[in-house]
Protein backbone atom coordinates (compact mmCIF):
# COMPACT_ATOMS: atom_id res chain seq x y z
CA UNK A 1 197.71 220.29 208.73
CA UNK A 2 199.70 217.49 207.13
CA UNK A 3 197.90 215.03 209.44
CA UNK A 4 194.55 216.23 208.13
CA UNK A 5 195.71 215.91 204.52
CA UNK A 6 197.05 212.43 205.18
CA UNK A 7 193.77 211.43 206.84
CA UNK A 8 191.81 212.61 203.80
CA UNK A 9 194.07 210.69 201.42
CA UNK A 10 193.77 207.55 203.55
CA UNK A 11 189.97 207.83 203.62
CA UNK A 12 189.79 208.19 199.84
CA UNK A 13 192.26 205.30 199.40
CA UNK A 14 190.09 203.05 201.58
CA UNK A 15 187.01 203.88 199.51
CA UNK A 16 188.84 203.06 196.27
CA UNK A 17 190.38 199.84 197.58
CA UNK A 18 187.10 198.69 199.13
CA UNK A 19 185.39 199.22 195.78
CA UNK A 20 182.80 201.47 197.43
CA UNK A 21 183.16 204.07 194.70
CA UNK A 22 185.45 204.26 191.67
CA UNK A 23 185.38 208.05 192.00
CA UNK A 24 185.28 208.98 195.71
CA UNK A 25 182.82 211.79 196.28
CA UNK A 26 183.70 214.79 198.43
CA UNK A 27 180.89 213.94 200.84
CA UNK A 28 181.92 210.29 201.23
CA UNK A 29 185.62 211.07 201.71
CA UNK A 30 184.95 213.92 204.12
CA UNK A 31 182.63 211.72 206.20
CA UNK A 32 185.14 208.87 206.40
CA UNK A 33 188.01 211.23 207.22
CA UNK A 34 185.95 213.05 209.86
CA UNK A 35 186.39 216.48 208.31
CA UNK A 36 184.10 219.02 206.72
CA UNK A 37 183.73 219.40 202.95
CA UNK A 38 185.30 222.86 203.16
CA UNK A 39 188.37 221.40 204.88
CA UNK A 40 188.70 218.80 202.16
CA UNK A 41 188.42 221.51 199.48
CA UNK A 42 191.14 223.48 201.26
CA UNK A 43 193.58 220.61 200.77
CA UNK A 44 192.31 219.40 197.38
CA UNK A 45 190.72 222.01 195.16
CA UNK A 46 189.39 219.44 192.68
CA UNK A 47 188.43 215.80 192.71
CA UNK A 48 191.18 215.19 190.17
CA UNK A 49 193.76 216.51 192.67
CA UNK A 50 192.43 214.16 195.32
CA UNK A 51 192.43 211.08 193.07
CA UNK A 52 195.94 211.89 191.90
CA UNK A 53 197.20 212.12 195.49
CA UNK A 54 195.51 208.85 196.37
CA UNK A 55 197.08 207.01 193.43
CA UNK A 56 200.49 208.35 194.37
CA UNK A 57 199.93 207.07 197.91
CA UNK A 58 198.88 203.63 196.66
CA UNK A 59 201.94 203.35 194.43
CA UNK A 60 204.33 204.49 197.15
CA UNK A 61 203.00 201.74 199.43
CA UNK A 62 202.51 198.86 197.03
CA UNK A 63 205.25 199.41 194.47
CA UNK A 64 208.50 200.60 196.01
CA UNK A 65 211.57 201.08 193.86
CA UNK A 66 213.14 198.04 195.55
CA UNK A 67 216.82 197.84 194.57
CA UNK A 68 216.63 199.51 191.16
CA UNK A 69 219.60 201.71 192.15
CA UNK A 70 221.77 198.87 193.46
CA UNK A 71 224.46 198.60 190.78
CA UNK A 72 225.87 195.45 192.39
CA UNK A 73 222.84 193.54 191.08
CA UNK A 74 222.46 192.83 187.32
CA UNK A 75 220.34 195.55 185.73
CA UNK A 76 217.94 193.14 184.02
CA UNK A 77 217.24 191.39 187.33
CA UNK A 78 216.61 194.69 189.12
CA UNK A 79 214.21 195.87 186.43
CA UNK A 80 212.41 192.50 186.32
CA UNK A 81 211.92 192.60 190.09
CA UNK A 82 210.40 196.07 189.92
CA UNK A 83 208.12 195.03 187.06
CA UNK A 84 207.02 192.00 189.03
CA UNK A 85 205.84 194.30 191.82
CA UNK A 86 203.33 195.79 189.37
CA UNK A 87 201.76 192.34 189.00
CA UNK A 88 201.35 191.87 192.74
CA UNK A 89 197.92 193.59 192.91
CA UNK A 90 196.64 191.19 190.21
CA UNK A 91 196.89 188.35 192.72
CA UNK A 92 195.70 184.80 192.18
CA UNK A 93 193.91 183.58 189.00
CA UNK A 94 190.57 184.03 190.79
CA UNK A 95 191.46 187.57 191.84
CA UNK A 96 192.70 188.33 188.32
CA UNK A 97 189.40 187.18 186.85
CA UNK A 98 187.50 189.43 189.24
CA UNK A 99 189.78 192.38 188.43
CA UNK A 100 189.38 192.04 184.66
CA UNK A 101 185.61 191.59 184.93
CA UNK A 102 185.42 194.82 186.92
CA UNK A 103 187.67 196.67 184.48
CA UNK A 104 185.59 195.49 181.54
CA UNK A 105 182.29 196.49 183.17
CA UNK A 106 183.62 199.89 184.15
CA UNK A 107 185.61 200.95 181.09
CA UNK A 108 184.49 198.82 178.12
CA UNK A 109 180.93 197.59 178.54
CA UNK A 110 179.51 200.79 179.94
CA UNK A 111 178.97 204.41 179.02
CA UNK A 112 179.50 205.38 182.65
CA UNK A 113 182.61 207.53 182.87
CA UNK A 114 182.58 208.22 186.59
CA UNK A 115 185.57 205.99 187.23
CA UNK A 116 187.73 207.29 184.40
CA UNK A 117 189.68 209.87 186.49
CA UNK A 118 190.88 207.12 188.84
CA UNK A 119 191.74 204.82 185.94
CA UNK A 120 193.64 207.45 183.96
CA UNK A 121 195.54 208.43 187.12
CA UNK A 122 196.40 204.76 187.67
CA UNK A 123 197.70 204.40 184.10
CA UNK A 124 199.73 207.60 184.33
CA UNK A 125 201.34 206.69 187.65
CA UNK A 126 202.18 203.21 186.38
CA UNK A 127 203.88 204.61 183.28
CA UNK A 128 205.73 207.27 185.26
CA UNK A 129 206.99 204.70 187.77
CA UNK A 130 208.35 202.47 184.99
CA UNK A 131 209.92 205.48 183.26
CA UNK A 132 211.63 206.46 186.52
CA UNK A 133 213.18 202.99 186.78
CA UNK A 134 214.41 203.23 183.20
CA UNK A 135 215.83 206.70 183.81
CA UNK A 136 217.77 205.37 186.80
CA UNK A 137 219.31 202.62 184.68
CA UNK A 138 220.12 205.00 181.84
CA UNK A 139 221.84 207.45 184.18
CA UNK A 140 223.81 204.56 185.60
CA UNK A 141 224.97 203.62 182.09
CA UNK A 142 223.26 200.24 182.19
CA UNK A 143 221.29 201.00 179.02
CA UNK A 144 221.76 203.15 175.93
CA UNK A 145 219.88 206.41 175.56
CA UNK A 146 216.49 206.07 173.94
CA UNK A 147 212.79 206.84 174.06
CA UNK A 148 211.81 205.96 177.63
CA UNK A 149 208.09 206.36 176.96
CA UNK A 150 208.30 203.82 174.15
CA UNK A 151 210.31 201.44 176.30
CA UNK A 152 207.83 201.82 179.16
CA UNK A 153 204.93 201.17 176.81
CA UNK A 154 206.53 197.93 175.63
CA UNK A 155 207.08 196.73 179.20
CA UNK A 156 203.52 197.61 180.20
CA UNK A 157 202.15 195.62 177.25
CA UNK A 158 204.14 192.61 178.49
CA UNK A 159 202.71 193.12 181.98
CA UNK A 160 199.17 193.41 180.58
CA UNK A 161 199.64 190.10 178.80
CA UNK A 162 200.83 188.36 181.96
CA UNK A 163 197.96 189.85 183.96
CA UNK A 164 195.38 188.65 181.42
CA UNK A 165 197.04 185.21 181.35
CA UNK A 166 196.41 184.90 185.07
CA UNK A 167 192.70 185.42 184.47
CA UNK A 168 192.18 182.99 181.57
CA UNK A 169 191.74 179.26 182.25
CA UNK A 170 194.86 177.23 181.58
CA UNK A 171 197.05 180.15 180.51
CA UNK A 172 198.57 181.36 183.80
CA UNK A 173 202.33 180.89 184.01
CA UNK A 174 204.18 179.42 186.94
CA UNK A 175 205.91 182.10 189.06
CA UNK A 176 209.35 181.12 187.77
CA UNK A 177 208.13 181.34 184.16
CA UNK A 178 206.62 184.78 184.77
CA UNK A 179 209.97 185.85 186.21
CA UNK A 180 211.76 184.53 183.12
CA UNK A 181 209.42 186.45 180.80
CA UNK A 182 209.95 189.68 182.72
CA UNK A 183 213.71 189.27 182.78
CA UNK A 184 213.73 188.58 179.02
CA UNK A 185 211.64 191.72 178.43
CA UNK A 186 214.00 193.71 180.65
CA UNK A 187 216.98 192.39 178.72
CA UNK A 188 215.41 193.44 175.43
CA UNK A 189 214.99 196.97 176.77
CA UNK A 190 218.55 197.17 178.09
CA UNK A 191 220.39 195.89 175.02
CA UNK A 192 219.22 198.19 172.25
CA UNK A 193 218.45 201.91 171.89
CA UNK A 194 214.75 202.50 171.37
CA UNK A 195 213.80 205.46 169.24
CA UNK A 196 210.40 206.69 168.19
CA UNK A 197 209.71 206.00 164.51
CA UNK A 198 208.83 209.26 162.78
CA UNK A 199 205.60 209.45 160.79
CA UNK A 200 207.62 209.79 157.57
CA UNK A 201 209.68 206.70 158.33
CA UNK A 202 206.58 204.80 159.34
CA UNK A 203 205.01 205.61 155.97
CA UNK A 204 208.12 204.34 154.17
CA UNK A 205 208.02 201.11 156.15
CA UNK A 206 204.35 200.66 155.31
CA UNK A 207 205.03 201.12 151.56
CA UNK A 208 208.23 199.05 151.47
CA UNK A 209 208.05 196.17 153.96
CA UNK A 210 211.23 194.16 154.56
CA UNK A 211 211.90 191.47 151.96
CA UNK A 212 211.09 187.96 153.09
CA UNK A 213 213.77 185.32 153.05
CA UNK A 214 213.22 182.80 150.31
């Protein structure tokens, strides 16, 4: 039974990776996996369940936890290495350009929402993977307690910037410079506690901005 489930996940993964369909249909996945639609429904009651399982499979293959738990290696280096693995699918500048064009067509310049389940699953799994790395470091005592979701959001914004830089002419960084940026971002996360600003505090900040040095 597990072999059948794995075969279905692999078929759906191939369809997503090949770009055949941003939201694999039951009929297409069942045909590629060599199973009936009823068998597929037995393992995955909804399309959302299937997409979620596929994204988990993709992340387990492409983005392992590497040595995040190896305390003999500096924490900022471990975190930077894991973050770098998230950039691997972006690829070369040419591949990055193709990726961003596809993302824009699918999610910005179109009212078609068919691919949104896959995209939202991708975003969620990315955030959860980064949060799991941060939790490992916090449990180890390598970083102060804080808002892991906020920390993860900051790191993902840095990654988005590096990914876009790969796609724009003349802005891509050399590999060693990308590594330096990621290690600096990791160091920022590790040094200070990050706490969510309450709505009341945010309002106070908005009314009374910090005084500028004269």
